[in-house]
C-alpha atoms as a PDB file:
ATOM      1  CA  MET A   1      11.349   0.122  15.784  1.00  0.00           C
ATOM      2  CA  ILE A   2      10.682   3.220  13.281  1.00  0.00           C
ATOM      3  CA  ILE A   3       7.054   4.420  12.746  1.00  0.00           C
ATOM      4  CA  TYR A   4       6.516   6.179   9.592  1.00  0.00           C
ATOM      5  CA  ASN A   5       3.386   8.506   9.825  1.00  0.00           C
ATOM      6  CA  VAL A   6       1.516   9.842   7.187  1.00  0.00           C
ATOM      7  CA  THR A   7      -1.145  12.614   8.041  1.00  0.00           C
ATOM      8  CA  VAL A   8      -3.540  13.270   5.551  1.00  0.00           C
ATOM      9  CA  SER A   9      -6.561  15.667   5.006  1.00  0.00           C
ATOM     10  CA  VAL A  10      -8.532  14.847   2.403  1.00  0.00           C
ATOM     11  CA  ASP A  11     -11.183  16.706   0.684  1.00  0.00           C
ATOM     12  CA  LYS A  12     -14.697  15.795   1.538  1.00  0.00           C
ATOM     13  CA  SER A  13     -15.727  15.868  -2.044  1.00  0.00           C
ATOM     14  CA  VAL A  14     -13.363  12.705  -3.134  1.00  0.00           C
ATOM     15  CA  HIS A  15     -13.150  11.332   0.521  1.00  0.00           C
ATOM     16  CA  GLU A  16     -15.616   8.662  -0.579  1.00  0.00           C
ATOM     17  CA  GLU A  17     -13.710   7.430  -3.133  1.00  0.00           C
ATOM     18  CA  TRP A  18     -10.325   7.746  -1.846  1.00  0.00           C
ATOM     19  CA  LEU A  19     -10.908   5.663   1.365  1.00  0.00           C
ATOM     20  CA  PRO A  20     -11.492   2.652  -0.275  1.00  0.00           C
ATOM     21  CA  TRP A  21      -8.463   3.549  -2.748  1.00  0.00           C
ATOM     22  CA  MET A  22      -6.076   3.973   0.101  1.00  0.00           C
ATOM     23  CA  LYS A  23      -7.256   0.855   1.874  1.00  0.00           C
ATOM     24  CA  ASN A  24      -7.376  -1.849  -1.286  1.00  0.00           C
ATOM     25  CA  ILE A  25      -4.456  -0.346  -3.583  1.00  0.00           C
ATOM     26  CA  HIS A  26      -2.574   1.998  -1.970  1.00  0.00           C
ATOM     27  CA  ILE A  27      -1.618   0.710   1.495  1.00  0.00           C
ATOM     28  CA  PRO A  28      -1.186  -2.721  -0.051  1.00  0.00           C
ATOM     29  CA  GLU A  29       1.012  -1.367  -2.655  1.00  0.00           C
ATOM     30  CA  VAL A  30       3.369   0.253   0.205  1.00  0.00           C
ATOM     31  CA  MET A  31       3.287  -2.953   2.278  1.00  0.00           C
ATOM     32  CA  GLN A  32       4.240  -5.307  -0.693  1.00  0.00           C
ATOM     33  CA  THR A  33       7.343  -3.270  -0.786  1.00  0.00           C
ATOM     34  CA  GLY A  34       8.336  -5.377   2.172  1.00  0.00           C
ATOM     35  CA  TYR A  35       9.728  -2.570   4.439  1.00  0.00           C
ATOM     36  CA  PHE A  36       7.295  -2.535   6.704  1.00  0.00           C
ATOM     37  CA  LEU A  37       6.278  -4.950   9.265  1.00  0.00           C
ATOM     38  CA  GLU A  38       2.730  -3.710   9.658  1.00  0.00           C
ATOM     39  CA  TYR A  39       0.818  -0.484   9.517  1.00  0.00           C
ATOM     40  CA  LYS A  40      -2.417   1.241  11.049  1.00  0.00           C
ATOM     41  CA  MET A  41      -4.884   3.919   9.670  1.00  0.00           C
ATOM     42  CA  CYS A  42      -6.389   6.126  11.993  1.00  0.00           C
ATOM     43  CA  ARG A  43      -9.138   9.013  11.456  1.00  0.00           C
ATOM     44  CA  VAL A  44      -8.195  12.227  13.122  1.00  0.00           C
ATOM     45  CA  LEU A  45     -11.312  12.774  15.378  1.00  0.00           C
ATOM     46  CA  THR A  46     -10.748  16.657  15.593  1.00  0.00           C
ATOM     47  CA  GLU A  47     -13.503  18.100  13.167  1.00  0.00           C
ATOM     48  CA  ASP A  48     -12.362  20.283  10.089  1.00  0.00           C
ATOM     49  CA  ASP A  49     -14.839  22.317   7.516  1.00  0.00           C
ATOM     50  CA  SER A  50     -12.107  21.826   4.764  1.00  0.00           C
ATOM     51  CA  GLY A  51     -11.737  17.824   5.113  1.00  0.00           C
ATOM     52  CA  ILE A  52     -11.405  14.524   6.742  1.00  0.00           C
ATOM     53  CA  THR A  53      -7.605  13.828   8.338  1.00  0.00           C
ATOM     54  CA  TYR A  54      -6.252  10.255   8.819  1.00  0.00           C
ATOM     55  CA  SER A  55      -2.757   9.316  10.125  1.00  0.00           C
ATOM     56  CA  ILE A  56      -1.391   6.234   8.195  1.00  0.00           C
ATOM     57  CA  GLN A  57       1.277   4.740  10.620  1.00  0.00           C
ATOM     58  CA  TYR A  58       3.840   2.438   8.963  1.00  0.00           C
ATOM     59  CA  THR A  59       6.282   0.268  11.048  1.00  0.00           C
ATOM     60  CA  CYS A  60       9.385  -0.833  10.011  1.00  0.00           C
ATOM     61  CA  ALA A  61      12.474  -2.469  12.012  1.00  0.00           C
ATOM     62  CA  ASN A  62      15.100   0.167  11.649  1.00  0.00           C
ATOM     63  CA  MET A  63      16.095   3.587  10.088  1.00  0.00           C
ATOM     64  CA  ASN A  64      17.933   1.694   7.293  1.00  0.00           C
ATOM     65  CA  ASP A  65      14.705   0.395   5.765  1.00  0.00           C
ATOM     66  CA  LEU A  66      13.095   3.231   6.052  1.00  0.00           C
ATOM     67  CA  GLN A  67      15.711   5.097   4.298  1.00  0.00           C
ATOM     68  CA  GLU A  68      16.005   2.489   1.600  1.00  0.00           C
ATOM     69  CA  TYR A  69      12.114   2.351   0.906  1.00  0.00           C
ATOM     70  CA  GLN A  70      11.935   6.128   0.685  1.00  0.00           C
ATOM     71  CA  LYS A  71      15.098   5.837  -1.977  1.00  0.00           C
ATOM     72  CA  LYS A  72      13.462   3.115  -4.134  1.00  0.00           C
ATOM     73  CA  HIS A  73       9.679   2.983  -3.699  1.00  0.00           C
ATOM     74  CA  SER A  74       8.349   6.509  -2.138  1.00  0.00           C
ATOM     75  CA  PRO A  75       8.641   8.937  -4.718  1.00  0.00           C
ATOM     76  CA  ALA A  76       6.791   6.420  -7.081  1.00  0.00           C
ATOM     77  CA  LEU A  77       4.237   5.715  -4.831  1.00  0.00           C
ATOM     78  CA  GLN A  78       3.526   9.322  -3.787  1.00  0.00           C
ATOM     79  CA  LYS A  79       3.309  10.882  -7.382  1.00  0.00           C
ATOM     80  CA  ALA A  80       0.817   8.016  -8.158  1.00  0.00           C
ATOM     81  CA  HIS A  81      -1.064   9.656  -5.021  1.00  0.00           C
ATOM     82  CA  ALA A  82      -0.621  13.082  -5.995  1.00  0.00           C
ATOM     83  CA  ASP A  83      -1.611  12.497  -9.653  1.00  0.00           C
ATOM     84  CA  LYS A  84      -5.064  10.862  -8.528  1.00  0.00           C
ATOM     85  CA  TYR A  85      -6.237  13.621  -5.922  1.00  0.00           C
ATOM     86  CA  LYS A  86      -4.163  16.519  -7.243  1.00  0.00           C
ATOM     87  CA  ASP A  87      -5.421  19.628  -5.316  1.00  0.00           C
ATOM     88  CA  LYS A  88      -7.812  17.298  -2.930  1.00  0.00           C
ATOM     89  CA  PHE A  89      -5.459  16.561  -0.074  1.00  0.00           C
ATOM     90  CA  VAL A  90      -2.693  17.715   1.783  1.00  0.00           C
ATOM     91  CA  ALA A  91      -0.132  15.438   3.496  1.00  0.00           C
ATOM     92  CA  PHE A  92       2.968  15.708   5.824  1.00  0.00           C
ATOM     93  CA  ARG A  93       5.116  13.063   7.138  1.00  0.00           C
ATOM     94  CA  THR A  94       6.797  12.214  10.407  1.00  0.00           C
ATOM     95  CA  LEU A  95       9.339   9.978  12.120  1.00  0.00           C
ATOM     96  CA  LEU A  96       8.868   8.648  15.101  1.00  0.00           C
ATOM     97  CA  GLU A  97      10.847   6.229  17.400  1.00  0.00           C
ATOM     98  CA  VAL A  98       9.351   3.671  19.761  1.00  0.00           C
ATOM     99  CA  VAL A  99      11.091   3.830  23.187  1.00  0.00           C
END
């Protein structure tokens, strides 16, 4: 199993809009691609003056599924997020393997 972890620090000025958009639109669109088995959205408890940070963890069966998702769907979904919240967030991605 592979976990595709997306860590996002979102500016406090857009947080109240961003959170429901992520939960009701963006994450469901990612899940509708069919490559992920489940997801968890966690708030990072470390305080930061500049923003509020979340870890979204998408689980897929194998690396091939993840690579196919990244090739076919990820660019458009990331662009939609970047266009909507330009200059109001910072994101980075990590891959984890369940052992």
